Amino acid sequence: MKNIVFDPKAFKQFNEWAIEDKKLYKKIVDLIDDILRHPFSGIGKPEPLKHQLKGYWSRRINDEHRLVYKITETEIVIISCKFHYD
């Protein structure tokens, strides 16, 4: 099983969701659980990113926000869970 690692900015965003919007927070937790099982398919319409974020993937939290992550041999690295590719 891979470790889940948050970039400090993403961890701050994740904690903000826990306070600001429990429904979106739960959706993010569900997306992370799905990433553990299916890193490149599943819920949230996973898509590979391009250009400066090549190597990263995105999943929809809702129309406005995306979960952006990278898969390594041992980790799922989450770099953002607010806005579009911020």
C-alpha atoms as a PDB file:
ATOM      1  CA  MET A   1       0.000   0.000   0.000  1.00  0.00           C
ATOM      2  CA  LYS A   2       1.265   3.454  -0.895  1.00  0.00           C
ATOM      3  CA  ASN A   3       1.747   6.244   1.638  1.00  0.00           C
ATOM      4  CA  ILE A   4      -0.326   9.391   1.216  1.00  0.00           C
ATOM      5  CA  VAL A   5       1.822  12.525   1.349  1.00  0.00           C
ATOM      6  CA  PHE A   6       0.458  16.066   1.264  1.00  0.00           C
ATOM      7  CA  ASP A   7       2.369  19.081   0.027  1.00  0.00           C
ATOM      8  CA  PRO A   8       2.109  21.642   2.895  1.00  0.00           C
ATOM      9  CA  LYS A   9      -0.187  23.877   0.805  1.00  0.00           C
ATOM     10  CA  ALA A  10      -2.445  20.941  -0.062  1.00  0.00           C
ATOM     11  CA  PHE A  11      -2.587  19.846   3.580  1.00  0.00           C
ATOM     12  CA  LYS A  12      -3.679  23.356   4.565  1.00  0.00           C
ATOM     13  CA  GLN A  13      -6.386  23.254   1.868  1.00  0.00           C
ATOM     14  CA  PHE A  14      -7.505  19.790   3.012  1.00  0.00           C
ATOM     15  CA  ASN A  15      -7.870  21.026   6.597  1.00  0.00           C
ATOM     16  CA  GLU A  16      -9.737  24.139   5.411  1.00  0.00           C
ATOM     17  CA  TRP A  17     -12.287  21.879   3.681  1.00  0.00           C
ATOM     18  CA  ALA A  18     -12.769  19.967   6.942  1.00  0.00           C
ATOM     19  CA  ILE A  19     -13.899  23.245   8.544  1.00  0.00           C
ATOM     20  CA  GLU A  20     -15.578  25.043   5.615  1.00  0.00           C
ATOM     21  CA  ASP A  21     -17.453  22.283   3.778  1.00  0.00           C
ATOM     22  CA  LYS A  22     -17.837  18.806   5.264  1.00  0.00           C
ATOM     23  CA  LYS A  23     -19.459  17.482   2.077  1.00  0.00           C
ATOM     24  CA  LEU A  24     -16.477  18.454  -0.117  1.00  0.00           C
ATOM     25  CA  TYR A  25     -14.084  17.203   2.560  1.00  0.00           C
ATOM     26  CA  LYS A  26     -15.814  13.797   2.456  1.00  0.00           C
ATOM     27  CA  LYS A  27     -15.629  13.817  -1.351  1.00  0.00           C
ATOM     28  CA  ILE A  28     -11.856  14.417  -1.173  1.00  0.00           C
ATOM     29  CA  VAL A  29     -11.467  11.544   1.299  1.00  0.00           C
ATOM     30  CA  ASP A  30     -13.480   9.310  -1.053  1.00  0.00           C
ATOM     31  CA  LEU A  31     -11.302  10.357  -4.006  1.00  0.00           C
ATOM     32  CA  ILE A  32      -8.126   9.567  -2.057  1.00  0.00           C
ATOM     33  CA  ASP A  33      -9.526   6.152  -1.102  1.00  0.00           C
ATOM     34  CA  ASP A  34     -10.296   5.497  -4.775  1.00  0.00           C
ATOM     35  CA  ILE A  35      -6.800   6.615  -5.829  1.00  0.00           C
ATOM     36  CA  LEU A  36      -5.361   4.010  -3.450  1.00  0.00           C
ATOM     37  CA  ARG A  37      -7.315   1.311  -5.308  1.00  0.00           C
ATOM     38  CA  HIS A  38      -7.236   2.714  -8.863  1.00  0.00           C
ATOM     39  CA  PRO A  39      -4.586   5.447  -9.331  1.00  0.00           C
ATOM     40  CA  PHE A  40      -5.430   6.205 -12.972  1.00  0.00           C
ATOM     41  CA  SER A  41      -9.127   5.328 -13.253  1.00  0.00           C
ATOM     42  CA  GLY A  42     -12.249   5.486 -11.108  1.00  0.00           C
ATOM     43  CA  ILE A  43     -14.342   8.318  -9.703  1.00  0.00           C
ATOM     44  CA  GLY A  44     -13.713  12.015 -10.337  1.00  0.00           C
ATOM     45  CA  LYS A  45     -12.837  11.615 -14.025  1.00  0.00           C
ATOM     46  CA  PRO A  46      -9.063  11.121 -13.617  1.00  0.00           C
ATOM     47  CA  GLU A  47      -6.995  12.810 -16.295  1.00  0.00           C
ATOM     48  CA  PRO A  48      -3.255  13.198 -16.828  1.00  0.00           C
ATOM     49  CA  LEU A  49      -2.054  16.781 -16.742  1.00  0.00           C
ATOM     50  CA  LYS A  50       0.204  18.436 -19.288  1.00  0.00           C
ATOM     51  CA  HIS A  51       2.879  21.097 -19.556  1.00  0.00           C
ATOM     52  CA  GLN A  52       4.339  22.208 -16.195  1.00  0.00           C
ATOM     53  CA  LEU A  53       2.256  19.570 -14.370  1.00  0.00           C
ATOM     54  CA  LYS A  54       3.231  16.675 -16.630  1.00  0.00           C
ATOM     55  CA  GLY A  55       3.389  13.513 -14.536  1.00  0.00           C
ATOM     56  CA  TYR A  56       0.533  14.655 -12.299  1.00  0.00           C
ATOM     57  CA  TRP A  57      -3.105  13.606 -12.424  1.00  0.00           C
ATOM     58  CA  SER A  58      -6.308  15.483 -11.670  1.00  0.00           C
ATOM     59  CA  ARG A  59      -9.697  14.362 -10.382  1.00  0.00           C
ATOM     60  CA  ARG A  60     -12.821  16.481 -10.103  1.00  0.00           C
ATOM     61  CA  ILE A  61     -13.953  17.344  -6.603  1.00  0.00           C
ATOM     62  CA  ASN A  62     -16.711  19.478  -8.130  1.00  0.00           C
ATOM     63  CA  ASP A  63     -17.057  21.894 -11.062  1.00  0.00           C
ATOM     64  CA  GLU A  64     -14.697  24.420  -9.461  1.00  0.00           C
ATOM     65  CA  HIS A  65     -12.135  22.350  -7.559  1.00  0.00           C
ATOM     66  CA  ARG A  66      -9.681  19.595  -8.475  1.00  0.00           C
ATOM     67  CA  LEU A  67      -7.566  17.122  -6.538  1.00  0.00           C
ATOM     68  CA  VAL A  68      -4.095  17.123  -8.111  1.00  0.00           C
ATOM     69  CA  TYR A  69      -1.729  14.264  -7.319  1.00  0.00           C
ATOM     70  CA  LYS A  70       1.280  12.285  -8.480  1.00  0.00           C
ATOM     71  CA  ILE A  71       1.905   8.568  -8.101  1.00  0.00           C
ATOM     72  CA  THR A  72       5.399   7.327  -7.242  1.00  0.00           C
ATOM     73  CA  GLU A  73       6.634   3.816  -6.432  1.00  0.00           C
ATOM     74  CA  THR A  74       5.810   4.269  -2.748  1.00  0.00           C
ATOM     75  CA  GLU A  75       3.614   7.376  -2.424  1.00  0.00           C
ATOM     76  CA  ILE A  76       0.581   9.285  -3.552  1.00  0.00           C
ATOM     77  CA  VAL A  77       1.701  12.914  -3.436  1.00  0.00           C
ATOM     78  CA  ILE A  78      -1.171  15.406  -3.239  1.00  0.00           C
ATOM     79  CA  ILE A  79      -0.213  18.930  -4.285  1.00  0.00           C
ATOM     80  CA  SER A  80      -3.611  20.656  -4.405  1.00  0.00           C
ATOM     81  CA  CYS A  81      -7.252  20.151  -3.462  1.00  0.00           C
ATOM     82  CA  LYS A  82      -8.658  23.610  -4.167  1.00  0.00           C
ATOM     83  CA  PHE A  83      -9.299  25.403  -7.436  1.00  0.00           C
ATOM     84  CA  HIS A  84      -7.993  24.322 -10.860  1.00  0.00           C
ATOM     85  CA  TYR A  85      -4.326  23.290 -10.941  1.00  0.00           C
ATOM     86  CA  ASP A  86      -3.264  26.088  -8.593  1.00  0.00           C
END
